[in-house]
PDB file of N, CA and C in Angstrom:
ATOM      1  N   UNK A   1      64.338 175.174  79.318  1.00  0.00           N
ATOM      2  CA  UNK A   1      63.196 175.700  80.024  1.00  0.00           C
ATOM      3  C   UNK A   1      62.847 174.763  81.186  1.00  0.00           C
ATOM      4  N   UNK A   2      62.629 175.312  82.354  1.00  0.00           N
ATOM      5  CA  UNK A   2      62.331 174.451  83.490  1.00  0.00           C
ATOM      6  C   UNK A   2      60.920 173.869  83.415  1.00  0.00           C
ATOM      7  N   UNK A   3      60.763 172.712  84.007  1.00  0.00           N
ATOM      8  CA  UNK A   3      59.460 172.065  84.132  1.00  0.00           C
ATOM      9  C   UNK A   3      58.987 172.305  85.560  1.00  0.00           C
ATOM     10  N   UNK A   4      57.816 172.907  85.709  1.00  0.00           N
ATOM     11  CA  UNK A   4      57.259 173.199  87.022  1.00  0.00           C
ATOM     12  C   UNK A   4      56.669 171.915  87.596  1.00  0.00           C
ATOM     13  N   UNK A   5      57.261 171.429  88.683  1.00  0.00           N
ATOM     14  CA  UNK A   5      56.780 170.209  89.328  1.00  0.00           C
ATOM     15  C   UNK A   5      55.777 170.517  90.440  1.00  0.00           C
ATOM     16  N   UNK A   6      55.541 171.800  90.681  1.00  0.00           N
ATOM     17  CA  UNK A   6      54.586 172.209  91.707  1.00  0.00           C
ATOM     18  C   UNK A   6      55.248 172.430  93.044  1.00  0.00           C
ATOM     19  N   UNK A   7      54.562 173.156  93.913  1.00  0.00           N
ATOM     20  CA  UNK A   7      55.019 173.412  95.279  1.00  0.00           C
ATOM     21  C   UNK A   7      56.408 174.033  95.350  1.00  0.00           C
ATOM     22  N   UNK A   8      56.752 174.892  94.380  1.00  0.00           N
ATOM     23  CA  UNK A   8      58.027 175.585  94.419  1.00  0.00           C
ATOM     24  C   UNK A   8      59.213 174.762  93.965  1.00  0.00           C
ATOM     25  N   UNK A   9      58.967 173.757  93.121  1.00  0.00           N
ATOM     26  CA  UNK A   9      60.041 172.873  92.642  1.00  0.00           C
ATOM     27  C   UNK A   9      60.024 172.858  91.116  1.00  0.00           C
ATOM     28  N   UNK A  10      61.219 173.036  90.516  1.00  0.00           N
ATOM     29  CA  UNK A  10      61.376 173.019  89.059  1.00  0.00           C
ATOM     30  C   UNK A  10      62.475 172.037  88.676  1.00  0.00           C
ATOM     31  N   UNK A  11      62.276 171.349  87.566  1.00  0.00           N
ATOM     32  CA  UNK A  11      63.255 170.408  87.025  1.00  0.00           C
ATOM     33  C   UNK A  11      63.867 170.999  85.766  1.00  0.00           C
ATOM     34  N   UNK A  12      65.173 170.821  85.621  1.00  0.00           N
ATOM     35  CA  UNK A  12      65.916 171.210  84.424  1.00  0.00           C
ATOM     36  C   UNK A  12      66.564 169.951  83.879  1.00  0.00           C
ATOM     37  N   UNK A  13      66.443 169.714  82.580  1.00  0.00           N
ATOM     38  CA  UNK A  13      67.052 168.523  81.984  1.00  0.00           C
ATOM     39  C   UNK A  13      67.986 168.947  80.865  1.00  0.00           C
ATOM     40  N   UNK A  14      69.193 168.384  80.860  1.00  0.00           N
ATOM     41  CA  UNK A  14      70.171 168.723  79.837  1.00  0.00           C
ATOM     42  C   UNK A  14      69.804 168.075  78.509  1.00  0.00           C
ATOM     43  N   UNK A  15      70.197 168.719  77.425  1.00  0.00           N
ATOM     44  CA  UNK A  15      69.950 168.157  76.094  1.00  0.00           C
ATOM     45  C   UNK A  15      70.809 166.913  75.870  1.00  0.00           C
ATOM     46  N   UNK A  16      72.071 166.990  76.279  1.00  0.00           N
ATOM     47  CA  UNK A  16      72.987 165.870  76.138  1.00  0.00           C
ATOM     48  C   UNK A  16      72.873 164.992  77.372  1.00  0.00           C
ATOM     49  N   UNK A  17      72.649 163.751  77.240  1.00  0.00           N
ATOM     50  CA  UNK A  17      72.564 162.750  78.320  1.00  0.00           C
ATOM     51  C   UNK A  17      71.302 162.861  79.162  1.00  0.00           C
ATOM     52  N   UNK A  18      70.516 163.909  79.009  1.00  0.00           N
ATOM     53  CA  UNK A  18      69.267 164.102  79.741  1.00  0.00           C
ATOM     54  C   UNK A  18      69.428 163.961  81.260  1.00  0.00           C
ATOM     55  N   UNK A  19      70.506 164.546  81.793  1.00  0.00           N
ATOM     56  CA  UNK A  19      70.674 164.569  83.245  1.00  0.00           C
ATOM     57  C   UNK A  19      69.778 165.659  83.824  1.00  0.00           C
ATOM     58  N   UNK A  20      69.443 165.529  85.088  1.00  0.00           N
ATOM     59  CA  UNK A  20      68.479 166.423  85.712  1.00  0.00           C
ATOM     60  C   UNK A  20      69.091 167.247  86.832  1.00  0.00           C
ATOM     61  N   UNK A  21      68.621 168.470  86.934  1.00  0.00           N
ATOM     62  CA  UNK A  21      68.909 169.356  88.052  1.00  0.00           C
ATOM     63  C   UNK A  21      67.558 169.797  88.596  1.00  0.00           C
ATOM     64  N   UNK A  22      67.554 170.134  89.888  1.00  0.00           N
ATOM     65  CA  UNK A  22      66.307 170.548  90.521  1.00  0.00           C
ATOM     66  C   UNK A  22      66.544 171.850  91.271  1.00  0.00           C
ATOM     67  N   UNK A  23      65.570 172.747  91.179  1.00  0.00           N
ATOM     68  CA  UNK A  23      65.543 173.978  91.954  1.00  0.00           C
ATOM     69  C   UNK A  23      64.299 173.923  92.826  1.00  0.00           C
ATOM     70  N   UNK A  24      64.488 174.102  94.124  1.00  0.00           N
ATOM     71  CA  UNK A  24      63.365 174.178  95.059  1.00  0.00           C
ATOM     72  C   UNK A  24      63.469 175.500  95.814  1.00  0.00           C
ATOM     73  N   UNK A  25      62.355 176.215  95.914  1.00  0.00           N
ATOM     74  CA  UNK A  25      62.332 177.497  96.613  1.00  0.00           C
ATOM     75  C   UNK A  25      61.258 177.437  97.688  1.00  0.00           C
ATOM     76  N   UNK A  26      61.653 177.812  98.890  1.00  0.00           N
ATOM     77  CA  UNK A  26      60.717 177.821 100.027  1.00  0.00           C
ATOM     78  C   UNK A  26      61.102 178.949 100.967  1.00  0.00           C
ATOM     79  N   UNK A  27      60.151 179.730 101.377  1.00  0.00           N
ATOM     80  CA  UNK A  27      60.371 180.831 102.317  1.00  0.00           C
ATOM     81  C   UNK A  27      61.510 181.752 101.872  1.00  0.00           C
ATOM     82  N   UNK A  28      61.645 181.945 100.572  1.00  0.00           N
ATOM     83  CA  UNK A  28      62.646 182.857 100.031  1.00  0.00           C
ATOM     84  C   UNK A  28      64.005 182.255  99.768  1.00  0.00           C
ATOM     85  N   UNK A  29      64.273 181.070 100.325  1.00  0.00           N
ATOM     86  CA  UNK A  29      65.562 180.409 100.116  1.00  0.00           C
ATOM     87  C   UNK A  29      65.461 179.396  98.974  1.00  0.00           C
ATOM     88  N   UNK A  30      66.603 179.148  98.319  1.00  0.00           N
ATOM     89  CA  UNK A  30      66.635 178.216  97.196  1.00  0.00           C
ATOM     90  C   UNK A  30      67.585 177.064  97.477  1.00  0.00           C
ATOM     91  N   UNK A  31      67.216 175.905  96.984  1.00  0.00           N
ATOM     92  CA  UNK A  31      68.077 174.730  96.988  1.00  0.00           C
ATOM     93  C   UNK A  31      68.222 174.280  95.550  1.00  0.00           C
ATOM     94  N   UNK A  32      69.465 174.211  95.073  1.00  0.00           N
ATOM     95  CA  UNK A  32      69.759 173.717  93.733  1.00  0.00           C
ATOM     96  C   UNK A  32      70.460 172.385  93.897  1.00  0.00           C
ATOM     97  N   UNK A  33      69.924 171.363  93.267  1.00  0.00           N
ATOM     98  CA  UNK A  33      70.515 170.026  93.356  1.00  0.00           C
ATOM     99  C   UNK A  33      71.176 169.679  92.029  1.00  0.00           C
ATOM    100  N   UNK A  34      72.474 169.358  92.089  1.00  0.00           N
ATOM    101  CA  UNK A  34      73.261 168.923  90.927  1.00  0.00           C
ATOM    102  C   UNK A  34      73.144 169.882  89.741  1.00  0.00           C
ATOM    103  N   UNK A  35      73.803 171.063  89.838  1.00  0.00           N
ATOM    104  CA  UNK A  35      73.611 172.100  88.820  1.00  0.00           C
ATOM    105  C   UNK A  35      74.282 171.857  87.474  1.00  0.00           C
ATOM    106  N   UNK A  36      74.099 170.711  86.887  1.00  0.00           N
ATOM    107  CA  UNK A  36      74.408 170.347  85.500  1.00  0.00           C
ATOM    108  C   UNK A  36      75.837 170.675  85.045  1.00  0.00           C
ATOM    109  N   UNK A  37      76.073 170.828  83.725  1.00  0.00           N
ATOM    110  CA  UNK A  37      77.476 170.957  83.316  1.00  0.00           C
ATOM    111  C   UNK A  37      77.798 171.884  82.161  1.00  0.00           C
ATOM    112  N   UNK A  38      76.873 172.391  81.407  1.00  0.00           N
ATOM    113  CA  UNK A  38      77.264 173.374  80.388  1.00  0.00           C
ATOM    114  C   UNK A  38      76.984 174.779  80.916  1.00  0.00           C
ATOM    115  N   UNK A  39      77.779 175.727  80.481  1.00  0.00           N
ATOM    116  CA  UNK A  39      77.653 177.097  80.996  1.00  0.00           C
ATOM    117  C   UNK A  39      76.258 177.667  80.743  1.00  0.00           C
ATOM    118  N   UNK A  40      75.698 177.441  79.580  1.00  0.00           N
ATOM    119  CA  UNK A  40      74.367 177.962  79.270  1.00  0.00           C
ATOM    120  C   UNK A  40      73.291 177.365  80.159  1.00  0.00           C
ATOM    121  N   UNK A  41      73.361 176.076  80.372  1.00  0.00           N
ATOM    122  CA  UNK A  41      72.369 175.411  81.222  1.00  0.00           C
ATOM    123  C   UNK A  41      72.506 175.854  82.679  1.00  0.00           C
ATOM    124  N   UNK A  42      73.746 175.967  83.133  1.00  0.00           N
ATOM    125  CA  UNK A  42      73.973 176.409  84.513  1.00  0.00           C
ATOM    126  C   UNK A  42      73.487 177.846  84.687  1.00  0.00           C
ATOM    127  N   UNK A  43      73.742 178.701  83.716  1.00  0.00           N
ATOM    128  CA  UNK A  43      73.299 180.094  83.801  1.00  0.00           C
ATOM    129  C   UNK A  43      71.774 180.175  83.842  1.00  0.00           C
ATOM    130  N   UNK A  44      71.097 179.326  83.110  1.00  0.00           N
ATOM    131  CA  UNK A  44      69.634 179.289  83.165  1.00  0.00           C
ATOM    132  C   UNK A  44      69.154 178.947  84.565  1.00  0.00           C
ATOM    133  N   UNK A  45      69.771 177.961  85.182  1.00  0.00           N
ATOM    134  CA  UNK A  45      69.390 177.563  86.550  1.00  0.00           C
ATOM    135  C   UNK A  45      69.721 178.688  87.527  1.00  0.00           C
ATOM    136  N   UNK A  46      70.888 179.304  87.370  1.00  0.00           N
ATOM    137  CA  UNK A  46      71.283 180.399  88.259  1.00  0.00           C
ATOM    138  C   UNK A  46      70.306 181.563  88.159  1.00  0.00           C
ATOM    139  N   UNK A  47      69.929 181.907  86.941  1.00  0.00           N
ATOM    140  CA  UNK A  47      68.994 183.003  86.739  1.00  0.00           C
ATOM    141  C   UNK A  47      67.620 182.688  87.329  1.00  0.00           C
ATOM    142  N   UNK A  48      67.172 181.475  87.167  1.00  0.00           N
ATOM    143  CA  UNK A  48      65.888 181.071  87.760  1.00  0.00           C
ATOM    144  C   UNK A  48      65.947 181.156  89.284  1.00  0.00           C
ATOM    145  N   UNK A  49      67.040 180.677  89.858  1.00  0.00           N
ATOM    146  CA  UNK A  49      67.189 180.746  91.321  1.00  0.00           C
ATOM    147  C   UNK A  49      67.213 182.196  91.787  1.00  0.00           C
ATOM    148  N   UNK A  50      67.943 183.049  91.081  1.00  0.00           N
ATOM    149  CA  UNK A  50      68.035 184.461  91.461  1.00  0.00           C
ATOM    150  C   UNK A  50      66.690 185.156  91.336  1.00  0.00           C
ATOM    151  N   UNK A  51      65.916 184.784  90.340  1.00  0.00           N
ATOM    152  CA  UNK A  51      64.627 185.412  90.125  1.00  0.00           C
ATOM    153  C   UNK A  51      63.537 184.927  91.068  1.00  0.00           C
ATOM    154  N   UNK A  52      63.688 183.736  91.585  1.00  0.00           N
ATOM    155  CA  UNK A  52      62.645 183.155  92.417  1.00  0.00           C
ATOM    156  C   UNK A  52      62.947 183.209  93.915  1.00  0.00           C
ATOM    157  N   UNK A  53      64.208 183.331  94.276  1.00  0.00           N
ATOM    158  CA  UNK A  53      64.600 183.307  95.687  1.00  0.00           C
ATOM    159  C   UNK A  53      65.057 184.690  96.129  1.00  0.00           C
ATOM    160  N   UNK A  54      64.665 185.076  97.306  1.00  0.00           N
ATOM    161  CA  UNK A  54      65.099 186.360  97.855  1.00  0.00           C
ATOM    162  C   UNK A  54      66.137 186.187  98.962  1.00  0.00           C
ATOM    163  N   UNK A  55      66.357 184.962  99.382  1.00  0.00           N
ATOM    164  CA  UNK A  55      67.276 184.707 100.488  1.00  0.00           C
ATOM    165  C   UNK A  55      68.488 183.908 100.050  1.00  0.00           C
ATOM    166  N   UNK A  56      68.882 182.992 100.895  1.00  0.00           N
ATOM    167  CA  UNK A  56      70.084 182.184 100.676  1.00  0.00           C
ATOM    168  C   UNK A  56      69.880 181.163  99.557  1.00  0.00           C
ATOM    169  N   UNK A  57      70.992 180.827  98.911  1.00  0.00           N
ATOM    170  CA  UNK A  57      71.001 179.749  97.924  1.00  0.00           C
ATOM    171  C   UNK A  57      71.901 178.646  98.467  1.00  0.00           C
ATOM    172  N   UNK A  58      71.400 177.426  98.429  1.00  0.00           N
ATOM    173  CA  UNK A  58      72.148 176.257  98.869  1.00  0.00           C
ATOM    174  C   UNK A  58      72.298 175.327  97.675  1.00  0.00           C
ATOM    175  N   UNK A  59      73.463 174.710  97.551  1.00  0.00           N
ATOM    176  CA  UNK A  59      73.696 173.715  96.506  1.00  0.00           C
ATOM    177  C   UNK A  59      73.837 172.351  97.151  1.00  0.00           C
ATOM    178  N   UNK A  60      73.147 171.378  96.611  1.00  0.00           N
ATOM    179  CA  UNK A  60      73.293 169.993  97.024  1.00  0.00           C
ATOM    180  C   UNK A  60      73.919 169.242  95.856  1.00  0.00           C
ATOM    181  N   UNK A  61      75.101 168.687  96.077  1.00  0.00           N
ATOM    182  CA  UNK A  61      75.804 167.939  95.044  1.00  0.00           C
ATOM    183  C   UNK A  61      75.830 166.485  95.499  1.00  0.00           C
ATOM    184  N   UNK A  62      75.122 165.627  94.767  1.00  0.00           N
ATOM    185  CA  UNK A  62      74.928 164.250  95.230  1.00  0.00           C
ATOM    186  C   UNK A  62      76.175 163.383  95.123  1.00  0.00           C
ATOM    187  N   UNK A  63      77.041 163.701  94.142  1.00  0.00           N
ATOM    188  CA  UNK A  63      78.315 162.988  94.024  1.00  0.00           C
ATOM    189  C   UNK A  63      79.249 163.800  93.128  1.00  0.00           C
ATOM    190  N   UNK A  64      80.489 163.364  93.019  1.00  0.00           N
ATOM    191  CA  UNK A  64      81.531 164.214  92.442  1.00  0.00           C
ATOM    192  C   UNK A  64      81.748 164.076  90.940  1.00  0.00           C
ATOM    193  N   UNK A  65      80.855 163.457  90.204  1.00  0.00           N
ATOM    194  CA  UNK A  65      81.008 163.430  88.752  1.00  0.00           C
ATOM    195  C   UNK A  65      80.951 164.857  88.206  1.00  0.00           C
ATOM    196  N   UNK A  66      81.717 165.111  87.149  1.00  0.00           N
ATOM    197  CA  UNK A  66      81.841 166.480  86.632  1.00  0.00           C
ATOM    198  C   UNK A  66      80.500 167.087  86.259  1.00  0.00           C
ATOM    199  N   UNK A  67      79.553 166.293  85.781  1.00  0.00           N
ATOM    200  CA  UNK A  67      78.267 166.852  85.375  1.00  0.00           C
ATOM    201  C   UNK A  67      77.403 167.264  86.571  1.00  0.00           C
ATOM    202  N   UNK A  68      77.878 166.993  87.777  1.00  0.00           N
ATOM    203  CA  UNK A  68      77.188 167.420  88.994  1.00  0.00           C
ATOM    204  C   UNK A  68      77.918 168.576  89.684  1.00  0.00           C
ATOM    205  N   UNK A  69      79.191 168.750  89.383  1.00  0.00           N
ATOM    206  CA  UNK A  69      79.990 169.738  90.110  1.00  0.00           C
ATOM    207  C   UNK A  69      80.333 170.995  89.316  1.00  0.00           C
ATOM    208  N   UNK A  70      80.197 170.973  88.010  1.00  0.00           N
ATOM    209  CA  UNK A  70      80.603 172.121  87.186  1.00  0.00           C
ATOM    210  C   UNK A  70      79.874 173.404  87.533  1.00  0.00           C
ATOM    211  N   UNK A  71      78.690 173.316  88.069  1.00  0.00           N
ATOM    212  CA  UNK A  71      77.912 174.512  88.359  1.00  0.00           C
ATOM    213  C   UNK A  71      78.260 175.216  89.650  1.00  0.00           C
ATOM    214  N   UNK A  72      79.097 174.634  90.479  1.00  0.00           N
ATOM    215  CA  UNK A  72      79.373 175.217  91.791  1.00  0.00           C
ATOM    216  C   UNK A  72      79.902 176.643  91.671  1.00  0.00           C
ATOM    217  N   UNK A  73      80.806 176.896  90.760  1.00  0.00           N
ATOM    218  CA  UNK A  73      81.396 178.222  90.608  1.00  0.00           C
ATOM    219  C   UNK A  73      80.417 179.305  90.162  1.00  0.00           C
ATOM    220  N   UNK A  74      79.271 178.921  89.625  1.00  0.00           N
ATOM    221  CA  UNK A  74      78.263 179.885  89.201  1.00  0.00           C
ATOM    222  C   UNK A  74      77.453 180.429  90.379  1.00  0.00           C
ATOM    223  N   UNK A  75      77.647 179.848  91.564  1.00  0.00           N
ATOM    224  CA  UNK A  75      76.910 180.226  92.757  1.00  0.00           C
ATOM    225  C   UNK A  75      77.902 180.571  93.876  1.00  0.00           C
ATOM    226  N   UNK A  76      78.672 181.647  93.714  1.00  0.00           N
ATOM    227  CA  UNK A  76      79.765 181.920  94.666  1.00  0.00           C
ATOM    228  C   UNK A  76      79.316 182.190  96.092  1.00  0.00           C
ATOM    229  N   UNK A  77      78.104 182.638  96.308  1.00  0.00           N
ATOM    230  CA  UNK A  77      77.625 182.923  97.664  1.00  0.00           C
ATOM    231  C   UNK A  77      76.892 181.735  98.285  1.00  0.00           C
ATOM    232  N   UNK A  78      76.747 180.653  97.548  1.00  0.00           N
ATOM    233  CA  UNK A  78      75.958 179.523  98.025  1.00  0.00           C
ATOM    234  C   UNK A  78      76.676 178.703  99.081  1.00  0.00           C
ATOM    235  N   UNK A  79      75.881 178.116  99.928  1.00  0.00           N
ATOM    236  CA  UNK A  79      76.349 177.100 100.865  1.00  0.00           C
ATOM    237  C   UNK A  79      76.318 175.787 100.084  1.00  0.00           C
ATOM    238  N   UNK A  80      77.460 175.082 100.029  1.00  0.00           N
ATOM    239  CA  UNK A  80      77.524 173.838  99.251  1.00  0.00           C
ATOM    240  C   UNK A  80      77.580 172.651 100.197  1.00  0.00           C
ATOM    241  N   UNK A  81      76.697 171.678  99.930  1.00  0.00           N
ATOM    242  CA  UNK A  81      76.699 170.422 100.664  1.00  0.00           C
ATOM    243  C   UNK A  81      76.936 169.346  99.613  1.00  0.00           C
ATOM    244  N   UNK A  82      77.968 168.532  99.826  1.00  0.00           N
ATOM    245  CA  UNK A  82      78.332 167.522  98.826  1.00  0.00           C
ATOM    246  C   UNK A  82      78.438 166.146  99.459  1.00  0.00           C
ATOM    247  N   UNK A  83      78.046 165.157  98.673  1.00  0.00           N
ATOM    248  CA  UNK A  83      78.114 163.768  99.120  1.00  0.00           C
ATOM    249  C   UNK A  83      79.381 163.121  98.643  1.00  0.00           C
TER     250      UNK A  83
END
């Protein structure tokens, strides 16, 4: 379940390792940062983004560890920016 951080920003934390993903929505567009690594968790983030955003989805991947990159394929229409 996402934690509402206010101002259109939600945090998702994995059960294993407690890594974090963030969804930010502004003016209909969504930014997903580091979309986690299990299929169920990624699907939860994808569904939240789809339900809250009416426009483009962008993915920000801070680095190439697998727990940051596994979610990319769940967002086939997204613009991906990776560090």
